[in-house]
Amino acid sequence: MTVPEIIAIVVAVIALVTATIQISQVTSLKHRLAAIPEDQSVFDALRRLDEDLASAEEAVTRLQQVVRSLSDRLPGAIRHTAVVRYDAHQDLAGLLSRSIAMLNEHGDGLVITLMKGREEAIYYTKMVRGGRGTEQLSPEETEAIRQALAR
């Protein structure tokens, strides 16, 4: 091979590498431009994105009000519960009687007691404030409150 042929081959290789790099750059640019809608301008796409963002911000503002309202009401919601099963009468077995405590985060709520007898069932409800009954509690009712607050 002569020197002019070698130079021609080197120039051809350089031209081929340069063309390959240019094709790669054009392909990359094509992918970036594919995100822009063909029938509208970039400014229209940005305007739509801005409107979508404003809608999302409005939705978040509305949700913040709902969350604030729920947070304000949450302390009054029932958070602690317990059920104590027992035999209220000596002649009846099977743990058929119940004392059920339902309290909020401050220990306020009520205790419902269901006592099952052979012929009848009776129930009592008693208010609870700060984890203590507002009237005399049975040992089972006191235990239901203790268990509920321990959870």
C-alpha atoms as a PDB file:
ATOM      1  CA  MET A   1       0.000   0.000   0.000  1.00  0.00           C
ATOM      2  CA  THR A   2       1.134   3.419  -0.862  1.00  0.00           C
ATOM      3  CA  VAL A   3       1.156   6.374   1.476  1.00  0.00           C
ATOM      4  CA  PRO A   4      -1.747   8.106  -0.322  1.00  0.00           C
ATOM      5  CA  GLU A   5      -3.850   4.947   0.039  1.00  0.00           C
ATOM      6  CA  ILE A   6      -3.077   4.713   3.776  1.00  0.00           C
ATOM      7  CA  ILE A   7      -3.990   8.376   4.246  1.00  0.00           C
ATOM      8  CA  ALA A   8      -7.236   7.792   2.335  1.00  0.00           C
ATOM      9  CA  ILE A   9      -8.093   4.800   4.587  1.00  0.00           C
ATOM     10  CA  VAL A  10      -7.321   6.808   7.768  1.00  0.00           C
ATOM     11  CA  VAL A  11      -9.475   9.714   6.544  1.00  0.00           C
ATOM     12  CA  ALA A  12     -12.285   7.287   5.695  1.00  0.00           C
ATOM     13  CA  VAL A  13     -12.102   5.692   9.186  1.00  0.00           C
ATOM     14  CA  ILE A  14     -12.154   9.127  10.830  1.00  0.00           C
ATOM     15  CA  ALA A  15     -15.139  10.122   8.665  1.00  0.00           C
ATOM     16  CA  LEU A  16     -16.927   6.888   9.616  1.00  0.00           C
ATOM     17  CA  VAL A  17     -16.321   7.439  13.374  1.00  0.00           C
ATOM     18  CA  THR A  18     -17.454  11.058  13.089  1.00  0.00           C
ATOM     19  CA  ALA A  19     -20.606  10.032  11.234  1.00  0.00           C
ATOM     20  CA  THR A  20     -21.382   7.384  13.883  1.00  0.00           C
ATOM     21  CA  ILE A  21     -21.019   9.959  16.679  1.00  0.00           C
ATOM     22  CA  GLN A  22     -23.240  12.405  14.795  1.00  0.00           C
ATOM     23  CA  ILE A  23     -25.911   9.746  14.251  1.00  0.00           C
ATOM     24  CA  SER A  24     -25.862   8.936  17.970  1.00  0.00           C
ATOM     25  CA  GLN A  25     -26.255  12.610  18.906  1.00  0.00           C
ATOM     26  CA  VAL A  26     -29.133  13.080  16.442  1.00  0.00           C
ATOM     27  CA  THR A  27     -30.891   9.981  17.842  1.00  0.00           C
ATOM     28  CA  SER A  28     -30.523  11.306  21.381  1.00  0.00           C
ATOM     29  CA  LEU A  29     -31.907  14.695  20.337  1.00  0.00           C
ATOM     30  CA  LYS A  30     -34.828  12.968  18.601  1.00  0.00           C
ATOM     31  CA  HIS A  31     -35.751  11.195  21.854  1.00  0.00           C
ATOM     32  CA  ARG A  32     -35.672  14.478  23.765  1.00  0.00           C
ATOM     33  CA  LEU A  33     -37.831  16.215  21.196  1.00  0.00           C
ATOM     34  CA  ALA A  34     -40.362  13.361  21.213  1.00  0.00           C
ATOM     35  CA  ALA A  35     -41.568  14.662  24.608  1.00  0.00           C
ATOM     36  CA  ILE A  36     -42.750  17.865  22.935  1.00  0.00           C
ATOM     37  CA  PRO A  37     -46.191  17.530  21.359  1.00  0.00           C
ATOM     38  CA  GLU A  38     -45.991  17.759  17.587  1.00  0.00           C
ATOM     39  CA  ASP A  39     -49.170  19.748  17.104  1.00  0.00           C
ATOM     40  CA  GLN A  40     -48.502  22.348  19.821  1.00  0.00           C
ATOM     41  CA  SER A  41     -45.657  24.492  21.020  1.00  0.00           C
ATOM     42  CA  VAL A  42     -43.452  24.014  24.034  1.00  0.00           C
ATOM     43  CA  PHE A  43     -45.215  26.972  25.644  1.00  0.00           C
ATOM     44  CA  ASP A  44     -48.590  25.218  25.398  1.00  0.00           C
ATOM     45  CA  ALA A  45     -47.143  22.119  27.046  1.00  0.00           C
ATOM     46  CA  LEU A  46     -45.630  24.246  29.841  1.00  0.00           C
ATOM     47  CA  ARG A  47     -48.950  26.089  30.323  1.00  0.00           C
ATOM     48  CA  ARG A  48     -50.770  22.754  30.715  1.00  0.00           C
ATOM     49  CA  LEU A  49     -48.178  21.541  33.203  1.00  0.00           C
ATOM     50  CA  ASP A  50     -48.586  24.779  35.172  1.00  0.00           C
ATOM     51  CA  GLU A  51     -52.390  24.336  35.234  1.00  0.00           C
ATOM     52  CA  ASP A  52     -51.999  20.727  36.410  1.00  0.00           C
ATOM     53  CA  LEU A  53     -49.661  21.865  39.170  1.00  0.00           C
ATOM     54  CA  ALA A  54     -52.134  24.550  40.280  1.00  0.00           C
ATOM     55  CA  SER A  55     -54.928  21.948  40.405  1.00  0.00           C
ATOM     56  CA  ALA A  56     -52.753  19.637  42.475  1.00  0.00           C
ATOM     57  CA  GLU A  57     -51.932  22.468  44.897  1.00  0.00           C
ATOM     58  CA  GLU A  58     -55.645  23.278  45.292  1.00  0.00           C
ATOM     59  CA  ALA A  59     -56.412  19.610  46.010  1.00  0.00           C
ATOM     60  CA  VAL A  60     -53.658  19.484  48.640  1.00  0.00           C
ATOM     61  CA  THR A  61     -55.078  22.631  50.288  1.00  0.00           C
ATOM     62  CA  ARG A  62     -58.548  21.044  50.452  1.00  0.00           C
ATOM     63  CA  LEU A  63     -57.093  17.820  51.866  1.00  0.00           C
ATOM     64  CA  GLN A  64     -55.168  19.762  54.515  1.00  0.00           C
ATOM     65  CA  GLN A  65     -58.480  21.191  55.766  1.00  0.00           C
ATOM     66  CA  VAL A  66     -59.985  17.690  55.980  1.00  0.00           C
ATOM     67  CA  VAL A  67     -56.936  16.335  57.812  1.00  0.00           C
ATOM     68  CA  ARG A  68     -57.035  19.274  60.244  1.00  0.00           C
ATOM     69  CA  SER A  69     -60.728  18.614  60.914  1.00  0.00           C
ATOM     70  CA  LEU A  70     -60.094  14.904  61.514  1.00  0.00           C
ATOM     71  CA  SER A  71     -57.167  15.684  63.803  1.00  0.00           C
ATOM     72  CA  ASP A  72     -59.382  18.008  65.846  1.00  0.00           C
ATOM     73  CA  ARG A  73     -62.003  15.265  66.262  1.00  0.00           C
ATOM     74  CA  LEU A  74     -59.599  12.373  66.846  1.00  0.00           C
ATOM     75  CA  PRO A  75     -59.153  12.850  70.616  1.00  0.00           C
ATOM     76  CA  GLY A  76     -62.861  12.046  71.087  1.00  0.00           C
ATOM     77  CA  ALA A  77     -62.741   8.850  69.031  1.00  0.00           C
ATOM     78  CA  ILE A  78     -62.742   5.439  70.666  1.00  0.00           C
ATOM     79  CA  ARG A  79     -59.117   4.300  70.817  1.00  0.00           C
ATOM     80  CA  HIS A  80     -58.966   1.820  73.680  1.00  0.00           C
ATOM     81  CA  THR A  81     -61.241  -1.193  74.087  1.00  0.00           C
ATOM     82  CA  ALA A  82     -61.298  -4.333  76.174  1.00  0.00           C
ATOM     83  CA  VAL A  83     -63.724  -7.129  77.017  1.00  0.00           C
ATOM     84  CA  VAL A  84     -63.687  -9.017  80.312  1.00  0.00           C
ATOM     85  CA  ARG A  85     -65.602 -12.322  80.357  1.00  0.00           C
ATOM     86  CA  TYR A  86     -66.845 -13.813  83.627  1.00  0.00           C
ATOM     87  CA  ASP A  87     -69.547 -15.820  85.365  1.00  0.00           C
ATOM     88  CA  ALA A  88     -71.918 -13.338  86.995  1.00  0.00           C
ATOM     89  CA  HIS A  89     -73.908 -16.032  88.828  1.00  0.00           C
ATOM     90  CA  GLN A  90     -72.630 -19.015  90.762  1.00  0.00           C
ATOM     91  CA  ASP A  91     -75.189 -21.365  89.201  1.00  0.00           C
ATOM     92  CA  LEU A  92     -74.312 -20.473  85.581  1.00  0.00           C
ATOM     93  CA  ALA A  93     -70.937 -21.340  84.048  1.00  0.00           C
ATOM     94  CA  GLY A  94     -69.376 -20.628  80.652  1.00  0.00           C
ATOM     95  CA  LEU A  95     -68.192 -17.028  81.040  1.00  0.00           C
ATOM     96  CA  LEU A  96     -71.415 -15.710  79.488  1.00  0.00           C
ATOM     97  CA  SER A  97     -71.330 -12.264  81.151  1.00  0.00           C
ATOM     98  CA  ARG A  98     -69.226  -9.400  79.782  1.00  0.00           C
ATOM     99  CA  SER A  99     -67.918  -5.983  80.773  1.00  0.00           C
ATOM    100  CA  ILE A 100     -66.859  -3.957  77.753  1.00  0.00           C
ATOM    101  CA  ALA A 101     -64.793  -0.767  78.073  1.00  0.00           C
ATOM    102  CA  MET A 102     -64.686   1.752  75.197  1.00  0.00           C
ATOM    103  CA  LEU A 103     -62.476   4.781  75.870  1.00  0.00           C
ATOM    104  CA  ASN A 104     -60.892   7.659  73.978  1.00  0.00           C
ATOM    105  CA  GLU A 105     -57.264   8.755  74.312  1.00  0.00           C
ATOM    106  CA  HIS A 106     -58.102  10.715  77.489  1.00  0.00           C
ATOM    107  CA  GLY A 107     -59.631   7.674  79.184  1.00  0.00           C
ATOM    108  CA  ASP A 108     -63.155   9.018  78.740  1.00  0.00           C
ATOM    109  CA  GLY A 109     -65.963   6.797  77.496  1.00  0.00           C
ATOM    110  CA  LEU A 110     -68.182   4.116  78.916  1.00  0.00           C
ATOM    111  CA  VAL A 111     -68.360   0.596  80.240  1.00  0.00           C
ATOM    112  CA  ILE A 112     -71.196  -1.658  79.143  1.00  0.00           C
ATOM    113  CA  THR A 113     -71.887  -4.636  81.377  1.00  0.00           C
ATOM    114  CA  LEU A 114     -74.015  -7.551  80.156  1.00  0.00           C
ATOM    115  CA  MET A 115     -74.977 -10.055  82.837  1.00  0.00           C
ATOM    116  CA  LYS A 116     -76.475 -13.340  81.693  1.00  0.00           C
ATOM    117  CA  GLY A 117     -78.748 -15.239  84.054  1.00  0.00           C
ATOM    118  CA  ARG A 118     -80.779 -18.395  83.523  1.00  0.00           C
ATOM    119  CA  GLU A 119     -84.030 -16.580  82.766  1.00  0.00           C
ATOM    120  CA  GLU A 120     -82.892 -13.125  81.729  1.00  0.00           C
ATOM    121  CA  ALA A 121     -80.039 -10.936  80.674  1.00  0.00           C
ATOM    122  CA  ILE A 122     -79.547  -7.438  82.035  1.00  0.00           C
ATOM    123  CA  TYR A 123     -77.175  -4.699  81.054  1.00  0.00           C
ATOM    124  CA  TYR A 124     -75.705  -1.591  82.638  1.00  0.00           C
ATOM    125  CA  THR A 125     -73.882   1.357  81.153  1.00  0.00           C
ATOM    126  CA  LYS A 126     -71.583   3.516  83.228  1.00  0.00           C
ATOM    127  CA  MET A 127     -69.675   6.643  82.231  1.00  0.00           C
ATOM    128  CA  VAL A 128     -65.902   6.808  82.560  1.00  0.00           C
ATOM    129  CA  ARG A 129     -63.900  10.046  82.896  1.00  0.00           C
ATOM    130  CA  GLY A 130     -60.127  10.038  83.012  1.00  0.00           C
ATOM    131  CA  GLY A 131     -60.033   6.261  83.401  1.00  0.00           C
ATOM    132  CA  ARG A 132     -62.333   6.278  86.462  1.00  0.00           C
ATOM    133  CA  GLY A 133     -66.011   5.509  86.710  1.00  0.00           C
ATOM    134  CA  THR A 134     -68.364   8.384  87.489  1.00  0.00           C
ATOM    135  CA  GLU A 135     -70.228   5.912  89.747  1.00  0.00           C
ATOM    136  CA  GLN A 136     -69.302   2.744  91.623  1.00  0.00           C
ATOM    137  CA  LEU A 137     -67.762   0.119  89.318  1.00  0.00           C
ATOM    138  CA  SER A 138     -67.723  -3.639  89.720  1.00  0.00           C
ATOM    139  CA  PRO A 139     -64.329  -5.387  89.814  1.00  0.00           C
ATOM    140  CA  GLU A 140     -64.956  -6.680  86.263  1.00  0.00           C
ATOM    141  CA  GLU A 141     -65.734  -3.174  84.976  1.00  0.00           C
ATOM    142  CA  THR A 142     -62.602  -1.815  86.645  1.00  0.00           C
ATOM    143  CA  GLU A 143     -60.575  -4.617  85.040  1.00  0.00           C
ATOM    144  CA  ALA A 144     -62.047  -3.853  81.604  1.00  0.00           C
ATOM    145  CA  ILE A 145     -60.994  -0.207  81.962  1.00  0.00           C
ATOM    146  CA  ARG A 146     -57.513  -1.223  83.135  1.00  0.00           C
ATOM    147  CA  GLN A 147     -57.063  -3.595  80.181  1.00  0.00           C
ATOM    148  CA  ALA A 148     -58.356  -1.022  77.687  1.00  0.00           C
ATOM    149  CA  LEU A 149     -55.977   1.687  78.888  1.00  0.00           C
ATOM    150  CA  ALA A 150     -53.054  -0.764  78.909  1.00  0.00           C
ATOM    151  CA  ARG A 151     -53.369  -1.310  75.150  1.00  0.00           C
END
